[in-house]
Amino acid sequence: METLVLDIAKLNVRFRGMCIDVFYTAGVRDGIMDLVGLSRAVESYNRFNEDNDPHGEHDFGSLRFEGKKIFWKIDYYDQELKYWCDPLDSGCRRVLTVMLAEEY
């Protein structure tokens, strides 16, 4: 089981660096001036620990950017974005949502 979690974490870290299927909430789009800088901060996030990543999947993070608390979350869907998908399934489509903490 531990190996599977490490595999999911590796896939999620790689996915965050690809800048595909990223959704910025209205609060982020309207309230953050430097979306490129925010994207880089999410991509390089590495402050995972047992408190903020209890399952070790590296699928959620929290950071401060432009004075605002930001959350980001990776969810797993089928190719049509209709149903949840196993994160290790080869057909899994990851979606990264970046939001203001107050929008969570």
C-alpha atoms as a PDB file:
ATOM      1  CA  MET A   1       0.000   0.000   0.000  1.00  0.00           C
ATOM      2  CA  GLU A   2       2.834   2.399   0.830  1.00  0.00           C
ATOM      3  CA  THR A   3       4.302   2.045  -2.666  1.00  0.00           C
ATOM      4  CA  LEU A   4       0.951   2.992  -4.208  1.00  0.00           C
ATOM      5  CA  VAL A   5       0.806   6.185  -2.137  1.00  0.00           C
ATOM      6  CA  LEU A   6       4.340   7.101  -3.236  1.00  0.00           C
ATOM      7  CA  ASP A   7       3.324   6.492  -6.857  1.00  0.00           C
ATOM      8  CA  ILE A   8       0.308   8.787  -6.457  1.00  0.00           C
ATOM      9  CA  ALA A   9       2.490  11.457  -4.843  1.00  0.00           C
ATOM     10  CA  LYS A  10       5.007  11.275  -7.719  1.00  0.00           C
ATOM     11  CA  LEU A  11       2.225  11.567 -10.307  1.00  0.00           C
ATOM     12  CA  ASN A  12       0.719  14.544  -8.465  1.00  0.00           C
ATOM     13  CA  VAL A  13       4.055  16.372  -8.172  1.00  0.00           C
ATOM     14  CA  ARG A  14       4.709  15.858 -11.890  1.00  0.00           C
ATOM     15  CA  PHE A  15       1.175  16.961 -12.765  1.00  0.00           C
ATOM     16  CA  ARG A  16       1.501  20.237 -10.812  1.00  0.00           C
ATOM     17  CA  GLY A  17       4.446  21.160 -13.036  1.00  0.00           C
ATOM     18  CA  MET A  18       2.562  20.594 -16.280  1.00  0.00           C
ATOM     19  CA  CYS A  19       0.110  23.538 -16.042  1.00  0.00           C
ATOM     20  CA  ILE A  20      -2.747  21.623 -17.650  1.00  0.00           C
ATOM     21  CA  ASP A  21      -6.281  21.245 -16.363  1.00  0.00           C
ATOM     22  CA  VAL A  22      -5.832  24.092 -13.879  1.00  0.00           C
ATOM     23  CA  PHE A  23      -8.926  25.874 -12.594  1.00  0.00           C
ATOM     24  CA  TYR A  24      -8.588  29.231 -10.830  1.00  0.00           C
ATOM     25  CA  THR A  25     -11.624  30.220  -8.802  1.00  0.00           C
ATOM     26  CA  ALA A  26     -13.252  33.625  -9.255  1.00  0.00           C
ATOM     27  CA  GLY A  27     -11.616  34.871  -6.051  1.00  0.00           C
ATOM     28  CA  VAL A  28      -8.163  34.013  -7.370  1.00  0.00           C
ATOM     29  CA  ARG A  29      -8.836  35.401 -10.853  1.00  0.00           C
ATOM     30  CA  ASP A  30     -10.208  38.645  -9.395  1.00  0.00           C
ATOM     31  CA  GLY A  31      -7.889  39.040  -6.415  1.00  0.00           C
ATOM     32  CA  ILE A  32      -4.426  37.867  -7.484  1.00  0.00           C
ATOM     33  CA  MET A  33      -2.442  40.067  -9.821  1.00  0.00           C
ATOM     34  CA  ASP A  34       0.400  37.645 -10.662  1.00  0.00           C
ATOM     35  CA  LEU A  35      -1.209  34.359 -11.761  1.00  0.00           C
ATOM     36  CA  VAL A  36       2.050  33.204 -13.342  1.00  0.00           C
ATOM     37  CA  GLY A  37       3.866  33.720 -10.040  1.00  0.00           C
ATOM     38  CA  LEU A  38       1.090  31.926  -8.174  1.00  0.00           C
ATOM     39  CA  SER A  39       1.304  29.017 -10.626  1.00  0.00           C
ATOM     40  CA  ARG A  40       5.046  28.788  -9.994  1.00  0.00           C
ATOM     41  CA  ALA A  41       4.475  28.843  -6.224  1.00  0.00           C
ATOM     42  CA  VAL A  42       1.962  25.990  -6.495  1.00  0.00           C
ATOM     43  CA  GLU A  43       4.280  24.058  -8.808  1.00  0.00           C
ATOM     44  CA  SER A  44       7.255  24.369  -6.453  1.00  0.00           C
ATOM     45  CA  TYR A  45       5.292  23.752  -3.235  1.00  0.00           C
ATOM     46  CA  ASN A  46       7.125  21.164  -1.125  1.00  0.00           C
ATOM     47  CA  ARG A  47       6.121  21.824   2.490  1.00  0.00           C
ATOM     48  CA  PHE A  48       4.309  18.529   2.937  1.00  0.00           C
ATOM     49  CA  ASN A  49       4.138  16.996   6.390  1.00  0.00           C
ATOM     50  CA  GLU A  50       1.907  14.613   8.303  1.00  0.00           C
ATOM     51  CA  ASP A  51      -0.423  17.429   9.391  1.00  0.00           C
ATOM     52  CA  ASN A  52      -1.167  18.828   5.916  1.00  0.00           C
ATOM     53  CA  ASP A  53      -0.657  15.618   3.907  1.00  0.00           C
ATOM     54  CA  PRO A  54      -1.858  12.774   6.164  1.00  0.00           C
ATOM     55  CA  HIS A  55      -2.178  10.273   3.294  1.00  0.00           C
ATOM     56  CA  GLY A  56       1.130  11.219   1.656  1.00  0.00           C
ATOM     57  CA  GLU A  57      -0.428  11.835  -1.760  1.00  0.00           C
ATOM     58  CA  HIS A  58       0.738  15.458  -2.189  1.00  0.00           C
ATOM     59  CA  ASP A  59      -2.722  16.401  -3.459  1.00  0.00           C
ATOM     60  CA  PHE A  60      -3.356  19.504  -1.325  1.00  0.00           C
ATOM     61  CA  GLY A  61      -1.354  22.530  -0.234  1.00  0.00           C
ATOM     62  CA  SER A  62      -1.715  25.842   1.516  1.00  0.00           C
ATOM     63  CA  LEU A  63       0.471  28.905   1.010  1.00  0.00           C
ATOM     64  CA  ARG A  64       0.446  32.678   1.258  1.00  0.00           C
ATOM     65  CA  PHE A  65       0.684  34.708  -1.943  1.00  0.00           C
ATOM     66  CA  GLU A  66       0.223  38.462  -2.356  1.00  0.00           C
ATOM     67  CA  GLY A  67      -0.873  38.561   1.288  1.00  0.00           C
ATOM     68  CA  LYS A  68      -3.683  36.053   0.738  1.00  0.00           C
ATOM     69  CA  LYS A  69      -4.020  32.489   1.985  1.00  0.00           C
ATOM     70  CA  ILE A  70      -4.253  30.150  -1.008  1.00  0.00           C
ATOM     71  CA  PHE A  71      -5.345  26.511  -1.117  1.00  0.00           C
ATOM     72  CA  TRP A  72      -4.715  24.194  -4.040  1.00  0.00           C
ATOM     73  CA  LYS A  73      -6.228  20.738  -4.500  1.00  0.00           C
ATOM     74  CA  ILE A  74      -5.856  17.933  -7.033  1.00  0.00           C
ATOM     75  CA  ASP A  75      -8.944  15.865  -7.833  1.00  0.00           C
ATOM     76  CA  TYR A  76      -9.174  12.746  -9.972  1.00  0.00           C
ATOM     77  CA  TYR A  77     -11.733  12.264 -12.759  1.00  0.00           C
ATOM     78  CA  ASP A  78     -12.459  10.087 -15.747  1.00  0.00           C
ATOM     79  CA  GLN A  79     -11.620  11.521 -19.179  1.00  0.00           C
ATOM     80  CA  GLU A  80     -15.041  13.200 -19.519  1.00  0.00           C
ATOM     81  CA  LEU A  81     -14.693  14.862 -16.097  1.00  0.00           C
ATOM     82  CA  LYS A  82     -17.933  13.266 -14.943  1.00  0.00           C
ATOM     83  CA  TYR A  83     -16.883  10.692 -12.355  1.00  0.00           C
ATOM     84  CA  TRP A  84     -14.193  10.142  -9.765  1.00  0.00           C
ATOM     85  CA  CYS A  85     -11.314   8.027 -11.015  1.00  0.00           C
ATOM     86  CA  ASP A  86      -8.658   5.962  -9.267  1.00  0.00           C
ATOM     87  CA  PRO A  87      -5.522   8.173  -9.237  1.00  0.00           C
ATOM     88  CA  LEU A  88      -3.383   5.267 -10.464  1.00  0.00           C
ATOM     89  CA  ASP A  89      -5.685   4.419 -13.384  1.00  0.00           C
ATOM     90  CA  SER A  90      -3.982   5.156 -16.710  1.00  0.00           C
ATOM     91  CA  GLY A  91      -7.156   6.952 -17.851  1.00  0.00           C
ATOM     92  CA  CYS A  92      -7.229   9.220 -14.808  1.00  0.00           C
ATOM     93  CA  ARG A  93      -7.478  12.920 -15.560  1.00  0.00           C
ATOM     94  CA  ARG A  94      -6.194  15.183 -12.815  1.00  0.00           C
ATOM     95  CA  VAL A  95      -7.650  18.651 -12.223  1.00  0.00           C
ATOM     96  CA  LEU A  96      -5.844  21.235 -10.123  1.00  0.00           C
ATOM     97  CA  THR A  97      -8.061  23.807  -8.415  1.00  0.00           C
ATOM     98  CA  VAL A  98      -6.440  26.927  -6.967  1.00  0.00           C
ATOM     99  CA  MET A  99      -8.644  28.945  -4.611  1.00  0.00           C
ATOM    100  CA  LEU A 100      -8.604  31.530  -1.880  1.00  0.00           C
ATOM    101  CA  ALA A 101      -8.833  29.799   1.499  1.00  0.00           C
ATOM    102  CA  GLU A 102     -12.092  31.675   2.154  1.00  0.00           C
ATOM    103  CA  GLU A 103     -13.637  30.017  -0.928  1.00  0.00           C
ATOM    104  CA  TYR A 104     -13.064  26.497   0.416  1.00  0.00           C
END
